[in-house]
Full PDB file with SEQRES, HELIX, SHEET, SSBOND, CRYST1, ORIGX, SCALE, CONECT and MASTER records, all heavy atoms in Angstrom:
SEQRES   1 A   31  ILE MET GLU GLU ILE HIS TYR PHE PHE LYS GLU GLU HIS          
SEQRES   2 A   31  ASN LEU ASP LEU GLY TYR ILE GLY GLN GLU ASP VAL TYR          
SEQRES   3 A   31  ASN PHE PHE MET GLU                                          
HELIX    1 AA1 MET A    2  HIS A   13  1                                  12    
HELIX    2 AA2 TYR A   19  MET A   30  1                                  12    
CRYST1    1.000    1.000    1.000  90.00  90.00  90.00 P 1           1          
ORIGX1      1.000000  0.000000  0.000000        0.00000                         
ORIGX2      0.000000  1.000000  0.000000        0.00000                         
ORIGX3      0.000000  0.000000  1.000000        0.00000                         
SCALE1      1.000000  0.000000  0.000000        0.00000                         
SCALE2      0.000000  1.000000  0.000000        0.00000                         
SCALE3      0.000000  0.000000  1.000000        0.00000                         
ATOM      1  N   ILE A   1     119.581 110.978  62.419  1.00  0.00           N  
ATOM      2  CA  ILE A   1     119.556 110.331  63.679  1.00  0.00           C  
ATOM      3  C   ILE A   1     119.971 111.288  64.676  1.00  0.00           C  
ATOM      4  O   ILE A   1     119.493 111.432  65.872  1.00  0.00           O  
ATOM      5  CB  ILE A   1     120.543 109.135  63.664  1.00  0.00           C  
ATOM      6  CG1 ILE A   1     119.877 107.949  62.764  1.00  0.00           C  
ATOM      7  CG2 ILE A   1     120.851 108.728  64.979  1.00  0.00           C  
ATOM      8  CD1 ILE A   1     120.910 106.983  62.426  1.00  0.00           C  
ATOM      9  N   MET A   2     120.969 112.187  64.323  1.00  0.00           N  
ATOM     10  CA  MET A   2     121.472 113.162  65.274  1.00  0.00           C  
ATOM     11  C   MET A   2     120.302 114.175  65.613  1.00  0.00           C  
ATOM     12  O   MET A   2     120.328 114.702  66.743  1.00  0.00           O  
ATOM     13  CB  MET A   2     122.631 113.822  64.729  1.00  0.00           C  
ATOM     14  CG  MET A   2     123.748 112.895  64.794  1.00  0.00           C  
ATOM     15  SD  MET A   2     125.419 113.517  64.235  1.00  0.00           S  
ATOM     16  CE  MET A   2     125.598 115.022  65.248  1.00  0.00           C  
ATOM     17  N   GLU A   3     119.494 114.494  64.587  1.00  0.00           N  
ATOM     18  CA  GLU A   3     118.357 115.320  64.949  1.00  0.00           C  
ATOM     19  C   GLU A   3     117.418 114.664  65.964  1.00  0.00           C  
ATOM     20  O   GLU A   3     116.848 115.334  66.851  1.00  0.00           O  
ATOM     21  CB  GLU A   3     117.488 115.616  63.537  1.00  0.00           C  
ATOM     22  CG  GLU A   3     118.408 116.631  62.721  1.00  0.00           C  
ATOM     23  CD  GLU A   3     117.687 116.856  61.319  1.00  0.00           C  
ATOM     24  OE1 GLU A   3     116.663 116.136  61.070  1.00  0.00           O  
ATOM     25  OE2 GLU A   3     118.275 117.562  60.487  1.00  0.00           O  
ATOM     26  N   GLU A   4     117.210 113.370  65.745  1.00  0.00           N  
ATOM     27  CA  GLU A   4     116.370 112.730  66.624  1.00  0.00           C  
ATOM     28  C   GLU A   4     116.946 112.609  68.113  1.00  0.00           C  
ATOM     29  O   GLU A   4     116.186 112.708  69.024  1.00  0.00           O  
ATOM     30  CB  GLU A   4     116.147 111.169  66.170  1.00  0.00           C  
ATOM     31  CG  GLU A   4     115.362 111.138  64.843  1.00  0.00           C  
ATOM     32  CD  GLU A   4     113.855 111.602  65.044  1.00  0.00           C  
ATOM     33  OE1 GLU A   4     113.252 111.379  66.111  1.00  0.00           O  
ATOM     34  OE2 GLU A   4     113.196 112.037  64.112  1.00  0.00           O  
ATOM     35  N   ILE A   5     118.288 112.451  68.142  1.00  0.00           N  
ATOM     36  CA  ILE A   5     118.974 112.478  69.429  1.00  0.00           C  
ATOM     37  C   ILE A   5     118.724 113.818  70.025  1.00  0.00           C  
ATOM     38  O   ILE A   5     118.375 113.827  71.225  1.00  0.00           O  
ATOM     39  CB  ILE A   5     120.451 112.184  69.298  1.00  0.00           C  
ATOM     40  CG1 ILE A   5     120.624 110.649  68.843  1.00  0.00           C  
ATOM     41  CG2 ILE A   5     121.254 112.526  70.424  1.00  0.00           C  
ATOM     42  CD1 ILE A   5     122.138 110.364  68.409  1.00  0.00           C  
ATOM     43  N   HIS A   6     118.844 114.776  69.306  1.00  0.00           N  
ATOM     44  CA  HIS A   6     118.716 116.187  69.801  1.00  0.00           C  
ATOM     45  C   HIS A   6     117.226 116.393  70.437  1.00  0.00           C  
ATOM     46  O   HIS A   6     117.062 116.901  71.585  1.00  0.00           O  
ATOM     47  CB  HIS A   6     119.032 117.282  68.863  1.00  0.00           C  
ATOM     48  CG  HIS A   6     118.877 118.660  69.317  1.00  0.00           C  
ATOM     49  ND1 HIS A   6     117.665 119.336  69.134  1.00  0.00           N  
ATOM     50  CD2 HIS A   6     119.638 119.499  70.035  1.00  0.00           C  
ATOM     51  CE1 HIS A   6     117.846 120.603  69.651  1.00  0.00           C  
ATOM     52  NE2 HIS A   6     119.035 120.574  70.240  1.00  0.00           N  
ATOM     53  N   TYR A   7     116.369 115.924  69.513  1.00  0.00           N  
ATOM     54  CA  TYR A   7     114.848 116.071  69.981  1.00  0.00           C  
ATOM     55  C   TYR A   7     114.562 115.265  71.218  1.00  0.00           C  
ATOM     56  O   TYR A   7     114.022 115.789  72.262  1.00  0.00           O  
ATOM     57  CB  TYR A   7     113.931 115.497  68.829  1.00  0.00           C  
ATOM     58  CG  TYR A   7     112.527 115.701  69.192  1.00  0.00           C  
ATOM     59  CD1 TYR A   7     111.855 116.867  69.125  1.00  0.00           C  
ATOM     60  CD2 TYR A   7     111.860 114.467  69.568  1.00  0.00           C  
ATOM     61  CE1 TYR A   7     110.450 116.924  69.420  1.00  0.00           C  
ATOM     62  CE2 TYR A   7     110.529 114.592  69.921  1.00  0.00           C  
ATOM     63  CZ  TYR A   7     109.839 115.746  69.813  1.00  0.00           C  
ATOM     64  OH  TYR A   7     108.536 115.786  70.131  1.00  0.00           O  
ATOM     65  N   PHE A   8     115.096 114.027  71.288  1.00  0.00           N  
ATOM     66  CA  PHE A   8     114.831 113.130  72.437  1.00  0.00           C  
ATOM     67  C   PHE A   8     115.491 113.770  73.754  1.00  0.00           C  
ATOM     68  O   PHE A   8     114.719 113.779  74.758  1.00  0.00           O  
ATOM     69  CB  PHE A   8     115.519 111.683  72.260  1.00  0.00           C  
ATOM     70  CG  PHE A   8     115.407 110.893  73.393  1.00  0.00           C  
ATOM     71  CD1 PHE A   8     114.251 110.235  73.758  1.00  0.00           C  
ATOM     72  CD2 PHE A   8     116.573 110.757  74.339  1.00  0.00           C  
ATOM     73  CE1 PHE A   8     114.165 109.387  74.950  1.00  0.00           C  
ATOM     74  CE2 PHE A   8     116.465 110.009  75.388  1.00  0.00           C  
ATOM     75  CZ  PHE A   8     115.397 109.243  75.742  1.00  0.00           C  
ATOM     76  N   PHE A   9     116.625 114.224  73.644  1.00  0.00           N  
ATOM     77  CA  PHE A   9     117.268 114.682  74.913  1.00  0.00           C  
ATOM     78  C   PHE A   9     116.560 116.165  75.204  1.00  0.00           C  
ATOM     79  O   PHE A   9     116.490 116.419  76.533  1.00  0.00           O  
ATOM     80  CB  PHE A   9     118.783 114.841  74.769  1.00  0.00           C  
ATOM     81  CG  PHE A   9     119.490 113.592  74.979  1.00  0.00           C  
ATOM     82  CD1 PHE A   9     119.759 112.797  74.015  1.00  0.00           C  
ATOM     83  CD2 PHE A   9     119.901 113.209  76.420  1.00  0.00           C  
ATOM     84  CE1 PHE A   9     120.432 111.550  74.317  1.00  0.00           C  
ATOM     85  CE2 PHE A   9     120.612 112.127  76.650  1.00  0.00           C  
ATOM     86  CZ  PHE A   9     120.869 111.306  75.441  1.00  0.00           C  
ATOM     87  N   LYS A  10     116.175 116.849  74.343  1.00  0.00           N  
ATOM     88  CA  LYS A  10     115.352 118.121  74.576  1.00  0.00           C  
ATOM     89  C   LYS A  10     114.108 117.795  75.388  1.00  0.00           C  
ATOM     90  O   LYS A  10     113.734 118.406  76.272  1.00  0.00           O  
ATOM     91  CB  LYS A  10     115.315 118.860  73.373  1.00  0.00           C  
ATOM     92  CG  LYS A  10     114.659 120.161  73.561  1.00  0.00           C  
ATOM     93  CD  LYS A  10     115.505 121.185  74.142  1.00  0.00           C  
ATOM     94  CE  LYS A  10     115.002 122.560  74.070  1.00  0.00           C  
ATOM     95  NZ  LYS A  10     115.664 123.516  74.874  1.00  0.00           N  
ATOM     96  N   GLU A  11     113.263 116.861  74.738  1.00  0.00           N  
ATOM     97  CA  GLU A  11     112.001 116.545  75.210  1.00  0.00           C  
ATOM     98  C   GLU A  11     111.909 115.824  76.473  1.00  0.00           C  
ATOM     99  O   GLU A  11     111.118 116.027  77.427  1.00  0.00           O  
ATOM    100  CB  GLU A  11     111.110 115.879  74.065  1.00  0.00           C  
ATOM    101  CG  GLU A  11     110.887 116.740  72.857  1.00  0.00           C  
ATOM    102  CD  GLU A  11     109.986 117.988  73.165  1.00  0.00           C  
ATOM    103  OE1 GLU A  11     109.042 117.862  73.878  1.00  0.00           O  
ATOM    104  OE2 GLU A  11     110.383 118.955  72.778  1.00  0.00           O  
ATOM    105  N   GLU A  12     112.807 114.788  76.499  1.00  0.00           N  
ATOM    106  CA  GLU A  12     112.773 113.798  77.649  1.00  0.00           C  
ATOM    107  C   GLU A  12     113.601 114.262  78.814  1.00  0.00           C  
ATOM    108  O   GLU A  12     113.255 113.815  79.938  1.00  0.00           O  
ATOM    109  CB  GLU A  12     113.156 112.455  77.232  1.00  0.00           C  
ATOM    110  CG  GLU A  12     112.280 111.695  76.110  1.00  0.00           C  
ATOM    111  CD  GLU A  12     110.842 111.433  76.682  1.00  0.00           C  
ATOM    112  OE1 GLU A  12     110.621 111.086  77.797  1.00  0.00           O  
ATOM    113  OE2 GLU A  12     109.916 111.734  75.762  1.00  0.00           O  
ATOM    114  N   HIS A  13     114.644 115.008  78.640  1.00  0.00           N  
ATOM    115  CA  HIS A  13     115.562 115.366  79.664  1.00  0.00           C  
ATOM    116  C   HIS A  13     115.855 116.813  79.814  1.00  0.00           C  
ATOM    117  O   HIS A  13     116.752 117.175  80.605  1.00  0.00           O  
ATOM    118  CB  HIS A  13     116.900 114.582  79.536  1.00  0.00           C  
ATOM    119  CG  HIS A  13     116.730 113.039  79.472  1.00  0.00           C  
ATOM    120  ND1 HIS A  13     116.351 112.309  80.597  1.00  0.00           N  
ATOM    121  CD2 HIS A  13     116.804 112.149  78.407  1.00  0.00           C  
ATOM    122  CE1 HIS A  13     116.282 110.974  80.174  1.00  0.00           C  
ATOM    123  NE2 HIS A  13     116.459 110.956  78.937  1.00  0.00           N  
ATOM    124  N   ASN A  14     115.258 117.529  79.049  1.00  0.00           N  
ATOM    125  CA  ASN A  14     115.259 119.072  78.971  1.00  0.00           C  
ATOM    126  C   ASN A  14     116.841 119.379  78.910  1.00  0.00           C  
ATOM    127  O   ASN A  14     117.322 120.433  79.459  1.00  0.00           O  
ATOM    128  CB  ASN A  14     114.769 119.682  80.319  1.00  0.00           C  
ATOM    129  CG  ASN A  14     114.466 121.063  80.083  1.00  0.00           C  
ATOM    130  OD1 ASN A  14     114.202 121.567  78.999  1.00  0.00           O  
ATOM    131  ND2 ASN A  14     114.489 121.853  81.186  1.00  0.00           N  
ATOM    132  N   LEU A  15     117.513 118.692  78.058  1.00  0.00           N  
ATOM    133  CA  LEU A  15     118.911 118.891  77.737  1.00  0.00           C  
ATOM    134  C   LEU A  15     119.053 119.356  76.186  1.00  0.00           C  
ATOM    135  O   LEU A  15     118.495 118.670  75.384  1.00  0.00           O  
ATOM    136  CB  LEU A  15     119.800 117.720  77.800  1.00  0.00           C  
ATOM    137  CG  LEU A  15     119.975 117.143  79.414  1.00  0.00           C  
ATOM    138  CD1 LEU A  15     120.731 115.959  79.309  1.00  0.00           C  
ATOM    139  CD2 LEU A  15     120.762 118.248  80.165  1.00  0.00           C  
ATOM    140  N   ASP A  16     119.568 120.477  75.977  1.00  0.00           N  
ATOM    141  CA  ASP A  16     119.903 121.020  74.632  1.00  0.00           C  
ATOM    142  C   ASP A  16     121.193 120.671  74.237  1.00  0.00           C  
ATOM    143  O   ASP A  16     122.134 121.414  74.250  1.00  0.00           O  
ATOM    144  CB  ASP A  16     119.603 122.498  74.654  1.00  0.00           C  
ATOM    145  CG  ASP A  16     119.415 123.035  73.165  1.00  0.00           C  
ATOM    146  OD1 ASP A  16     119.304 122.248  72.285  1.00  0.00           O  
ATOM    147  OD2 ASP A  16     119.413 124.302  72.993  1.00  0.00           O  
ATOM    148  N   LEU A  17     121.326 119.474  73.625  1.00  0.00           N  
ATOM    149  CA  LEU A  17     122.580 118.953  73.270  1.00  0.00           C  
ATOM    150  C   LEU A  17     123.128 119.688  71.917  1.00  0.00           C  
ATOM    151  O   LEU A  17     122.199 119.727  70.978  1.00  0.00           O  
ATOM    152  CB  LEU A  17     122.627 117.544  72.957  1.00  0.00           C  
ATOM    153  CG  LEU A  17     122.483 116.488  74.069  1.00  0.00           C  
ATOM    154  CD1 LEU A  17     122.469 115.060  73.521  1.00  0.00           C  
ATOM    155  CD2 LEU A  17     123.556 116.696  75.007  1.00  0.00           C  
ATOM    156  N   GLY A  18     124.244 120.096  71.902  1.00  0.00           N  
ATOM    157  CA  GLY A  18     124.764 120.692  70.707  1.00  0.00           C  
ATOM    158  C   GLY A  18     125.364 119.557  69.791  1.00  0.00           C  
ATOM    159  O   GLY A  18     125.168 118.400  69.986  1.00  0.00           O  
ATOM    160  N   TYR A  19     126.026 120.009  68.650  1.00  0.00           N  
ATOM    161  CA  TYR A  19     126.413 119.009  67.735  1.00  0.00           C  
ATOM    162  C   TYR A  19     127.350 117.997  68.265  1.00  0.00           C  
ATOM    163  O   TYR A  19     127.292 116.912  67.961  1.00  0.00           O  
ATOM    164  CB  TYR A  19     127.030 119.786  66.506  1.00  0.00           C  
ATOM    165  CG  TYR A  19     127.491 118.984  65.418  1.00  0.00           C  
ATOM    166  CD1 TYR A  19     126.698 118.371  64.439  1.00  0.00           C  
ATOM    167  CD2 TYR A  19     128.935 118.401  65.330  1.00  0.00           C  
ATOM    168  CE1 TYR A  19     127.057 117.570  63.505  1.00  0.00           C  
ATOM    169  CE2 TYR A  19     129.329 117.525  64.373  1.00  0.00           C  
ATOM    170  CZ  TYR A  19     128.288 117.117  63.413  1.00  0.00           C  
ATOM    171  OH  TYR A  19     128.839 116.212  62.507  1.00  0.00           O  
ATOM    172  N   ILE A  20     128.447 118.506  69.125  1.00  0.00           N  
ATOM    173  CA  ILE A  20     129.265 117.559  69.604  1.00  0.00           C  
ATOM    174  C   ILE A  20     128.728 116.576  70.602  1.00  0.00           C  
ATOM    175  O   ILE A  20     128.904 115.410  70.409  1.00  0.00           O  
ATOM    176  CB  ILE A  20     130.493 118.317  70.363  1.00  0.00           C  
ATOM    177  CG1 ILE A  20     131.214 119.085  69.353  1.00  0.00           C  
ATOM    178  CG2 ILE A  20     131.399 117.453  71.145  1.00  0.00           C  
ATOM    179  CD1 ILE A  20     132.246 120.005  69.931  1.00  0.00           C  
ATOM    180  N   GLY A  21     127.710 117.031  71.407  1.00  0.00           N  
ATOM    181  CA  GLY A  21     127.059 116.134  72.291  1.00  0.00           C  
ATOM    182  C   GLY A  21     126.154 115.075  71.520  1.00  0.00           C  
ATOM    183  O   GLY A  21     126.192 113.835  71.841  1.00  0.00           O  
ATOM    184  N   GLN A  22     125.565 115.519  70.521  1.00  0.00           N  
ATOM    185  CA  GLN A  22     124.757 114.622  69.603  1.00  0.00           C  
ATOM    186  C   GLN A  22     125.737 113.612  69.075  1.00  0.00           C  
ATOM    187  O   GLN A  22     125.354 112.447  68.944  1.00  0.00           O  
ATOM    188  CB  GLN A  22     124.153 115.469  68.546  1.00  0.00           C  
ATOM    189  CG  GLN A  22     122.966 116.400  68.986  1.00  0.00           C  
ATOM    190  CD  GLN A  22     122.590 117.273  67.957  1.00  0.00           C  
ATOM    191  OE1 GLN A  22     122.434 116.920  66.785  1.00  0.00           O  
ATOM    192  NE2 GLN A  22     122.296 118.611  68.190  1.00  0.00           N  
ATOM    193  N   GLU A  23     126.817 114.045  68.561  1.00  0.00           N  
ATOM    194  CA  GLU A  23     127.721 113.136  67.896  1.00  0.00           C  
ATOM    195  C   GLU A  23     128.381 112.115  68.820  1.00  0.00           C  
ATOM    196  O   GLU A  23     128.481 110.917  68.578  1.00  0.00           O  
ATOM    197  CB  GLU A  23     128.828 113.841  67.164  1.00  0.00           C  
ATOM    198  CG  GLU A  23     129.653 113.045  66.194  1.00  0.00           C  
ATOM    199  CD  GLU A  23     130.393 113.728  65.210  1.00  0.00           C  
ATOM    200  OE1 GLU A  23     131.010 114.759  65.567  1.00  0.00           O  
ATOM    201  OE2 GLU A  23     130.406 113.368  64.062  1.00  0.00           O  
ATOM    202  N   ASP A  24     128.542 112.568  70.054  1.00  0.00           N  
ATOM    203  CA  ASP A  24     129.088 111.699  71.180  1.00  0.00           C  
ATOM    204  C   ASP A  24     127.993 110.529  71.409  1.00  0.00           C  
ATOM    205  O   ASP A  24     128.358 109.393  71.508  1.00  0.00           O  
ATOM    206  CB  ASP A  24     129.418 112.374  72.404  1.00  0.00           C  
ATOM    207  CG  ASP A  24     130.630 113.257  72.405  1.00  0.00           C  
ATOM    208  OD1 ASP A  24     131.430 112.953  71.382  1.00  0.00           O  
ATOM    209  OD2 ASP A  24     130.859 114.059  73.221  1.00  0.00           O  
ATOM    210  N   VAL A  25     126.728 110.948  71.530  1.00  0.00           N  
ATOM    211  CA  VAL A  25     125.665 109.993  71.810  1.00  0.00           C  
ATOM    212  C   VAL A  25     125.583 108.939  70.555  1.00  0.00           C  
ATOM    213  O   VAL A  25     125.497 107.770  70.684  1.00  0.00           O  
ATOM    214  CB  VAL A  25     124.365 110.661  72.069  1.00  0.00           C  
ATOM    215  CG1 VAL A  25     123.250 109.707  72.127  1.00  0.00           C  
ATOM    216  CG2 VAL A  25     124.503 111.495  73.374  1.00  0.00           C  
ATOM    217  N   TYR A  26     125.652 109.654  69.381  1.00  0.00           N  
ATOM    218  CA  TYR A  26     125.525 108.836  68.171  1.00  0.00           C  
ATOM    219  C   TYR A  26     126.720 107.710  68.176  1.00  0.00           C  
ATOM    220  O   TYR A  26     126.508 106.606  67.850  1.00  0.00           O  
ATOM    221  CB  TYR A  26     125.629 109.798  66.887  1.00  0.00           C  
ATOM    222  CG  TYR A  26     125.852 108.978  65.727  1.00  0.00           C  
ATOM    223  CD1 TYR A  26     124.791 108.552  64.928  1.00  0.00           C  
ATOM    224  CD2 TYR A  26     127.127 108.867  65.080  1.00  0.00           C  
ATOM    225  CE1 TYR A  26     124.843 107.807  63.718  1.00  0.00           C  
ATOM    226  CE2 TYR A  26     127.224 108.178  63.888  1.00  0.00           C  
ATOM    227  CZ  TYR A  26     126.152 107.571  63.223  1.00  0.00           C  
ATOM    228  OH  TYR A  26     126.328 106.993  62.027  1.00  0.00           O  
ATOM    229  N   ASN A  27     127.911 108.232  68.374  1.00  0.00           N  
ATOM    230  CA  ASN A  27     129.069 107.332  68.325  1.00  0.00           C  
ATOM    231  C   ASN A  27     129.095 106.273  69.482  1.00  0.00           C  
ATOM    232  O   ASN A  27     129.314 105.124  69.189  1.00  0.00           O  
ATOM    233  CB  ASN A  27     130.442 108.243  68.408  1.00  0.00           C  
ATOM    234  CG  ASN A  27     130.616 108.975  67.152  1.00  0.00           C  
ATOM    235  OD1 ASN A  27     130.281 108.630  66.100  1.00  0.00           O  
ATOM    236  ND2 ASN A  27     131.426 110.108  67.392  1.00  0.00           N  
ATOM    237  N   PHE A  28     128.535 106.585  70.527  1.00  0.00           N  
ATOM    238  CA  PHE A  28     128.534 105.704  71.607  1.00  0.00           C  
ATOM    239  C   PHE A  28     127.543 104.559  71.303  1.00  0.00           C  
ATOM    240  O   PHE A  28     127.842 103.360  71.416  1.00  0.00           O  
ATOM    241  CB  PHE A  28     127.862 106.362  72.954  1.00  0.00           C  
ATOM    242  CG  PHE A  28     127.624 105.396  74.011  1.00  0.00           C  
ATOM    243  CD1 PHE A  28     128.641 104.779  74.762  1.00  0.00           C  
ATOM    244  CD2 PHE A  28     126.214 105.106  74.270  1.00  0.00           C  
ATOM    245  CE1 PHE A  28     128.128 103.887  75.833  1.00  0.00           C  
ATOM    246  CE2 PHE A  28     125.914 104.174  75.244  1.00  0.00           C  
ATOM    247  CZ  PHE A  28     126.884 103.551  76.027  1.00  0.00           C  
ATOM    248  N   PHE A  29     126.376 104.876  70.810  1.00  0.00           N  
ATOM    249  CA  PHE A  29     125.487 103.887  70.359  1.00  0.00           C  
ATOM    250  C   PHE A  29     125.959 103.054  69.106  1.00  0.00           C  
ATOM    251  O   PHE A  29     125.796 101.872  69.115  1.00  0.00           O  
ATOM    252  CB  PHE A  29     124.016 104.380  70.176  1.00  0.00           C  
ATOM    253  CG  PHE A  29     123.328 104.551  71.504  1.00  0.00           C  
ATOM    254  CD1 PHE A  29     123.140 105.791  71.967  1.00  0.00           C  
ATOM    255  CD2 PHE A  29     122.835 103.566  72.231  1.00  0.00           C  
ATOM    256  CE1 PHE A  29     122.432 106.158  73.169  1.00  0.00           C  
ATOM    257  CE2 PHE A  29     122.179 103.723  73.396  1.00  0.00           C  
ATOM    258  CZ  PHE A  29     122.081 104.967  73.907  1.00  0.00           C  
ATOM    259  N   MET A  30     126.564 103.694  68.190  1.00  0.00           N  
ATOM    260  CA  MET A  30     127.050 102.941  67.073  1.00  0.00           C  
ATOM    261  C   MET A  30     128.136 101.857  67.581  1.00  0.00           C  
ATOM    262  O   MET A  30     128.071 100.815  67.037  1.00  0.00           O  
ATOM    263  CB  MET A  30     127.608 103.853  66.065  1.00  0.00           C  
ATOM    264  CG  MET A  30     126.554 104.714  65.293  1.00  0.00           C  
ATOM    265  SD  MET A  30     125.418 103.764  64.456  1.00  0.00           S  
ATOM    266  CE  MET A  30     126.460 103.239  62.932  1.00  0.00           C  
ATOM    267  N   GLU A  31     129.010 102.375  68.348  1.00  0.00           N  
ATOM    268  CA  GLU A  31     130.059 101.563  68.887  1.00  0.00           C  
ATOM    269  C   GLU A  31     129.508 100.431  69.819  1.00  0.00           C  
ATOM    270  O   GLU A  31     129.967  99.308  69.885  1.00  0.00           O  
ATOM    271  CB  GLU A  31     131.036 102.231  69.669  1.00  0.00           C  
ATOM    272  CG  GLU A  31     131.896 103.143  68.679  1.00  0.00           C  
ATOM    273  CD  GLU A  31     132.822 104.201  69.382  1.00  0.00           C  
ATOM    274  OE1 GLU A  31     132.993 104.099  70.624  1.00  0.00           O  
ATOM    275  OE2 GLU A  31     133.335 105.130  68.749  1.00  0.00           O  
TER     276      GLU A  31                                                      
MASTER        0    0    0    2    0    0    0    6  275    1    0    3          
END                                                                             
């Protein structure tokens, strides 16, 4: 899932999220 988050933000928003950013997005959606 975190790989998918990274890919989505890279392709759709040209943002290269690092591990912490990916985990923040993951945790936000899980919560």
